[in-house]
N, C-alpha and C. Protein backbone atom coordinates (compact mmCIF):
# COMPACT_ATOMS: atom_id res chain seq x y z
N MET A 1 23.49 24.39 -41.94
CA MET A 1 23.81 25.54 -41.12
C MET A 1 24.06 25.09 -39.68
N MET A 2 25.19 25.46 -39.13
CA MET A 2 25.54 25.06 -37.77
C MET A 2 24.81 25.95 -36.76
N LYS A 3 24.29 25.32 -35.74
CA LYS A 3 23.58 26.05 -34.69
C LYS A 3 24.49 26.26 -33.49
N ASN A 4 24.13 27.23 -32.67
CA ASN A 4 24.85 27.48 -31.44
C ASN A 4 24.25 26.67 -30.30
N LEU A 5 25.09 26.31 -29.37
CA LEU A 5 24.67 25.64 -28.14
C LEU A 5 25.28 26.41 -26.99
N THR A 6 24.46 26.84 -26.06
CA THR A 6 24.96 27.56 -24.91
C THR A 6 24.92 26.66 -23.69
N VAL A 7 26.07 26.51 -23.05
CA VAL A 7 26.19 25.72 -21.83
C VAL A 7 26.65 26.68 -20.75
N GLY A 8 25.71 27.05 -19.86
CA GLY A 8 26.03 28.10 -18.88
C GLY A 8 26.33 29.38 -19.62
N GLN A 9 27.53 29.91 -19.43
CA GLN A 9 27.92 31.14 -20.12
C GLN A 9 28.84 30.86 -21.31
N VAL A 10 29.05 29.60 -21.64
CA VAL A 10 29.93 29.23 -22.74
C VAL A 10 29.07 28.92 -23.96
N CYS A 11 29.33 29.64 -25.06
CA CYS A 11 28.59 29.43 -26.30
C CYS A 11 29.48 28.63 -27.25
N ILE A 12 28.91 27.56 -27.81
CA ILE A 12 29.65 26.63 -28.66
C ILE A 12 28.99 26.61 -30.04
N GLY A 13 29.81 26.55 -31.08
CA GLY A 13 29.30 26.39 -32.44
C GLY A 13 29.39 27.63 -33.27
N ALA A 14 29.01 27.48 -34.54
CA ALA A 14 28.99 28.55 -35.54
C ALA A 14 30.31 29.32 -35.53
N GLU A 15 30.24 30.62 -35.30
CA GLU A 15 31.43 31.45 -35.36
C GLU A 15 31.99 31.77 -33.98
N ASN A 16 31.58 31.03 -32.96
CA ASN A 16 32.10 31.25 -31.61
C ASN A 16 33.50 30.67 -31.50
N PRO A 17 34.28 31.19 -30.54
CA PRO A 17 35.62 30.62 -30.34
C PRO A 17 35.52 29.16 -29.88
N LEU A 18 36.60 28.46 -30.06
CA LEU A 18 36.69 27.08 -29.62
C LEU A 18 36.37 26.99 -28.12
N ALA A 19 35.69 25.94 -27.71
CA ALA A 19 35.41 25.71 -26.29
C ALA A 19 36.01 24.37 -25.91
N LEU A 20 36.52 24.30 -24.71
CA LEU A 20 37.12 23.08 -24.20
C LEU A 20 36.13 22.40 -23.25
N ILE A 21 35.82 21.14 -23.50
CA ILE A 21 34.99 20.34 -22.59
C ILE A 21 35.94 19.31 -21.98
N ALA A 22 36.22 19.45 -20.68
CA ALA A 22 37.22 18.60 -20.05
C ALA A 22 36.91 18.43 -18.57
N GLY A 23 37.49 17.39 -18.00
CA GLY A 23 37.33 17.11 -16.59
C GLY A 23 37.61 15.65 -16.33
N PRO A 24 37.53 15.24 -15.08
CA PRO A 24 37.80 13.83 -14.77
C PRO A 24 36.66 12.94 -15.24
N CYS A 25 36.98 11.71 -15.51
CA CYS A 25 35.96 10.74 -15.92
C CYS A 25 34.88 10.65 -14.83
N VAL A 26 35.32 10.64 -13.59
CA VAL A 26 34.40 10.54 -12.46
C VAL A 26 34.92 11.40 -11.31
N LEU A 27 34.02 12.07 -10.59
CA LEU A 27 34.42 12.88 -9.44
C LEU A 27 35.00 11.97 -8.36
N GLU A 28 36.12 12.39 -7.81
CA GLU A 28 36.75 11.62 -6.73
C GLU A 28 36.54 12.29 -5.38
N ASN A 29 36.99 13.55 -5.29
CA ASN A 29 36.82 14.30 -4.05
C ASN A 29 36.92 15.79 -4.38
N LEU A 30 36.58 16.62 -3.42
CA LEU A 30 36.55 18.06 -3.64
C LEU A 30 37.93 18.61 -3.98
N GLU A 31 38.95 18.20 -3.26
CA GLU A 31 40.30 18.71 -3.49
C GLU A 31 40.76 18.44 -4.93
N HIS A 32 40.57 17.23 -5.40
CA HIS A 32 40.96 16.87 -6.76
C HIS A 32 40.16 17.66 -7.78
N ALA A 33 38.86 17.75 -7.59
CA ALA A 33 38.00 18.47 -8.53
C ALA A 33 38.37 19.95 -8.60
N LEU A 34 38.61 20.58 -7.44
CA LEU A 34 38.98 22.00 -7.41
C LEU A 34 40.33 22.24 -8.08
N SER A 35 41.29 21.37 -7.80
CA SER A 35 42.63 21.51 -8.38
C SER A 35 42.57 21.39 -9.91
N LEU A 36 41.86 20.39 -10.39
CA LEU A 36 41.75 20.18 -11.83
C LEU A 36 40.96 21.31 -12.49
N ALA A 37 39.85 21.72 -11.89
CA ALA A 37 39.04 22.81 -12.44
C ALA A 37 39.84 24.10 -12.50
N ASP A 38 40.61 24.38 -11.46
CA ASP A 38 41.43 25.59 -11.42
C ASP A 38 42.48 25.56 -12.53
N SER A 39 43.16 24.43 -12.69
CA SER A 39 44.17 24.31 -13.74
C SER A 39 43.56 24.46 -15.12
N LEU A 40 42.44 23.79 -15.37
CA LEU A 40 41.78 23.88 -16.67
C LEU A 40 41.28 25.30 -16.95
N GLN A 41 40.76 25.95 -15.91
CA GLN A 41 40.26 27.31 -16.10
C GLN A 41 41.41 28.27 -16.43
N LYS A 42 42.55 28.11 -15.79
CA LYS A 42 43.70 28.96 -16.10
C LYS A 42 44.16 28.75 -17.55
N ILE A 43 44.19 27.51 -17.99
CA ILE A 43 44.59 27.22 -19.37
C ILE A 43 43.59 27.82 -20.34
N ALA A 44 42.30 27.63 -20.08
CA ALA A 44 41.25 28.17 -20.96
C ALA A 44 41.34 29.69 -21.06
N MET A 45 41.55 30.34 -19.93
CA MET A 45 41.65 31.80 -19.94
C MET A 45 42.90 32.25 -20.69
N LYS A 46 44.00 31.54 -20.51
CA LYS A 46 45.27 31.91 -21.15
C LYS A 46 45.15 31.84 -22.67
N VAL A 47 44.48 30.82 -23.18
CA VAL A 47 44.36 30.66 -24.64
C VAL A 47 43.07 31.26 -25.20
N GLY A 48 42.21 31.79 -24.33
CA GLY A 48 41.02 32.50 -24.78
C GLY A 48 39.88 31.63 -25.26
N VAL A 49 39.68 30.49 -24.61
CA VAL A 49 38.54 29.63 -24.96
C VAL A 49 37.65 29.43 -23.74
N GLY A 50 36.40 29.12 -23.98
CA GLY A 50 35.49 28.81 -22.89
C GLY A 50 35.75 27.41 -22.37
N LEU A 51 35.40 27.17 -21.13
CA LEU A 51 35.60 25.86 -20.51
C LEU A 51 34.28 25.32 -19.99
N VAL A 52 33.98 24.10 -20.35
CA VAL A 52 32.88 23.35 -19.75
C VAL A 52 33.53 22.23 -18.97
N PHE A 53 33.50 22.31 -17.64
CA PHE A 53 34.08 21.29 -16.77
C PHE A 53 33.05 20.18 -16.60
N LYS A 54 33.38 19.00 -17.08
CA LYS A 54 32.43 17.89 -17.09
C LYS A 54 32.98 16.72 -16.30
N ALA A 55 32.15 16.16 -15.46
CA ALA A 55 32.53 14.97 -14.68
C ALA A 55 31.27 14.19 -14.33
N SER A 56 31.45 12.91 -14.05
CA SER A 56 30.32 12.05 -13.66
C SER A 56 30.30 11.86 -12.15
N TYR A 57 29.11 11.83 -11.58
CA TYR A 57 28.98 11.54 -10.16
C TYR A 57 28.56 10.09 -9.91
N ASP A 58 28.14 9.39 -10.97
CA ASP A 58 27.83 7.96 -10.85
C ASP A 58 28.10 7.31 -12.19
N LYS A 59 29.18 6.59 -12.30
CA LYS A 59 29.61 5.98 -13.56
C LYS A 59 29.30 4.49 -13.50
N ALA A 60 28.14 4.11 -13.99
CA ALA A 60 27.68 2.72 -13.89
C ALA A 60 28.33 1.80 -14.92
N ASN A 61 28.94 2.36 -15.95
CA ASN A 61 29.49 1.52 -17.02
C ASN A 61 30.98 1.22 -16.81
N ARG A 62 31.35 0.83 -15.64
CA ARG A 62 32.75 0.49 -15.34
C ARG A 62 33.06 -0.91 -15.86
N THR A 63 34.34 -1.16 -16.14
CA THR A 63 34.72 -2.48 -16.65
C THR A 63 34.72 -3.54 -15.57
N SER A 64 34.75 -3.11 -14.32
CA SER A 64 34.71 -4.06 -13.20
C SER A 64 33.63 -3.60 -12.22
N VAL A 65 32.86 -4.55 -11.71
CA VAL A 65 31.81 -4.19 -10.75
C VAL A 65 32.39 -3.63 -9.46
N SER A 66 33.66 -3.89 -9.19
CA SER A 66 34.28 -3.38 -7.96
C SER A 66 34.98 -2.04 -8.17
N SER A 67 34.95 -1.49 -9.39
CA SER A 67 35.57 -0.19 -9.67
C SER A 67 34.78 0.94 -9.00
N TYR A 68 35.49 1.99 -8.63
CA TYR A 68 34.87 3.18 -8.05
C TYR A 68 33.93 3.80 -9.06
N ARG A 69 32.68 4.06 -8.66
CA ARG A 69 31.67 4.62 -9.57
C ARG A 69 31.47 6.11 -9.39
N GLY A 70 31.92 6.67 -8.29
CA GLY A 70 31.72 8.09 -8.03
C GLY A 70 31.04 8.30 -6.70
N PRO A 71 30.88 9.58 -6.31
CA PRO A 71 30.32 9.89 -5.00
C PRO A 71 28.80 9.78 -4.91
N GLY A 72 28.12 9.61 -6.03
CA GLY A 72 26.66 9.56 -6.01
C GLY A 72 26.05 10.93 -6.20
N LEU A 73 24.75 10.95 -6.41
CA LEU A 73 24.03 12.19 -6.74
C LEU A 73 24.17 13.26 -5.67
N ASP A 74 23.85 12.96 -4.42
CA ASP A 74 23.84 13.98 -3.37
C ASP A 74 25.21 14.62 -3.18
N GLN A 75 26.23 13.80 -2.99
CA GLN A 75 27.58 14.34 -2.78
C GLN A 75 28.11 14.98 -4.07
N GLY A 76 27.79 14.41 -5.22
CA GLY A 76 28.21 14.99 -6.49
C GLY A 76 27.68 16.39 -6.68
N LEU A 77 26.40 16.60 -6.36
CA LEU A 77 25.81 17.93 -6.47
C LEU A 77 26.43 18.89 -5.45
N GLN A 78 26.71 18.41 -4.25
CA GLN A 78 27.37 19.25 -3.24
C GLN A 78 28.75 19.69 -3.73
N LEU A 79 29.51 18.76 -4.32
CA LEU A 79 30.83 19.10 -4.85
C LEU A 79 30.72 20.16 -5.94
N SER A 80 29.69 20.08 -6.76
CA SER A 80 29.57 21.00 -7.89
C SER A 80 29.39 22.44 -7.44
N PHE A 81 28.83 22.68 -6.25
CA PHE A 81 28.63 24.05 -5.77
C PHE A 81 29.95 24.74 -5.47
N PHE A 82 31.03 23.99 -5.23
CA PHE A 82 32.32 24.57 -4.90
C PHE A 82 33.20 24.78 -6.14
N LEU A 83 32.77 24.25 -7.28
CA LEU A 83 33.58 24.39 -8.49
C LEU A 83 33.36 25.76 -9.11
N PRO A 84 34.42 26.34 -9.71
CA PRO A 84 34.31 27.70 -10.24
C PRO A 84 33.40 27.77 -11.46
N GLN A 85 32.56 28.80 -11.49
CA GLN A 85 31.73 29.05 -12.65
C GLN A 85 31.85 30.54 -12.95
N GLY A 86 31.83 30.87 -14.19
CA GLY A 86 31.94 32.27 -14.57
C GLY A 86 31.99 32.38 -16.08
N SER A 87 32.55 33.49 -16.57
CA SER A 87 32.54 33.72 -18.00
C SER A 87 33.40 32.71 -18.75
N TYR A 88 34.37 32.11 -18.09
CA TYR A 88 35.21 31.13 -18.77
C TYR A 88 34.90 29.69 -18.37
N ALA A 89 34.11 29.47 -17.34
CA ALA A 89 33.89 28.09 -16.90
C ALA A 89 32.43 27.83 -16.57
N THR A 90 31.97 26.66 -16.96
CA THR A 90 30.64 26.17 -16.65
C THR A 90 30.82 24.73 -16.17
N VAL A 91 30.08 24.34 -15.16
CA VAL A 91 30.19 22.99 -14.61
C VAL A 91 29.00 22.16 -15.09
N VAL A 92 29.30 20.97 -15.61
CA VAL A 92 28.27 20.03 -16.05
C VAL A 92 28.56 18.69 -15.39
N LEU A 93 27.57 18.13 -14.74
CA LEU A 93 27.71 16.81 -14.15
C LEU A 93 26.82 15.85 -14.91
N ASP A 94 27.27 14.62 -15.02
CA ASP A 94 26.42 13.61 -15.65
C ASP A 94 26.46 12.33 -14.85
N GLU A 95 25.51 11.47 -15.17
CA GLU A 95 25.40 10.18 -14.52
C GLU A 95 25.23 9.14 -15.62
N VAL A 96 26.13 8.20 -15.67
CA VAL A 96 26.01 7.11 -16.63
C VAL A 96 25.23 6.01 -15.95
N MET A 97 24.08 5.68 -16.50
CA MET A 97 23.16 4.78 -15.81
C MET A 97 22.84 3.57 -16.67
N LYS A 98 22.58 2.50 -16.01
CA LYS A 98 22.09 1.30 -16.69
C LYS A 98 20.75 0.94 -16.07
N ASN A 99 19.72 1.02 -16.87
CA ASN A 99 18.37 0.62 -16.43
C ASN A 99 17.94 1.32 -15.15
N LYS A 100 18.20 2.62 -15.04
CA LYS A 100 17.84 3.36 -13.84
C LYS A 100 17.35 4.74 -14.25
N LYS A 101 16.25 5.21 -13.69
CA LYS A 101 15.74 6.54 -14.01
C LYS A 101 16.57 7.58 -13.29
N ASN A 102 16.93 8.64 -13.99
CA ASN A 102 17.73 9.71 -13.42
C ASN A 102 16.91 10.50 -12.40
N LYS A 103 17.44 10.63 -11.18
CA LYS A 103 16.73 11.33 -10.12
C LYS A 103 16.70 12.85 -10.33
N THR A 104 17.55 13.36 -11.24
CA THR A 104 17.59 14.81 -11.45
C THR A 104 16.51 15.29 -12.41
N THR A 105 15.82 14.37 -13.09
CA THR A 105 14.74 14.76 -13.99
C THR A 105 13.44 14.17 -13.48
N LYS A 106 12.37 14.91 -13.66
CA LYS A 106 11.06 14.44 -13.20
C LYS A 106 10.07 14.54 -14.30
């Protein structure tokens, strides 16, 4: 039996409509995040699916140590406050870590 999973206001699973989980691999800046979130939200609303906007604020598993990892926890959380949330969109941030305790959990 399939169970439901609720992410913000988006319900996923069982007999719920399809939900889209999408976003950039890593947050770059507010302008890019807002533009992408706005475009994804318009698409989700047009086709009638929920949207979970997902992005990383610290991507430690890059193929090169010199690759951009993201804005970090503090700036990443600040950026998330400006992203749209509502009946069609929920914002989820994650941090890909290697041997590091997540500061968002205690």
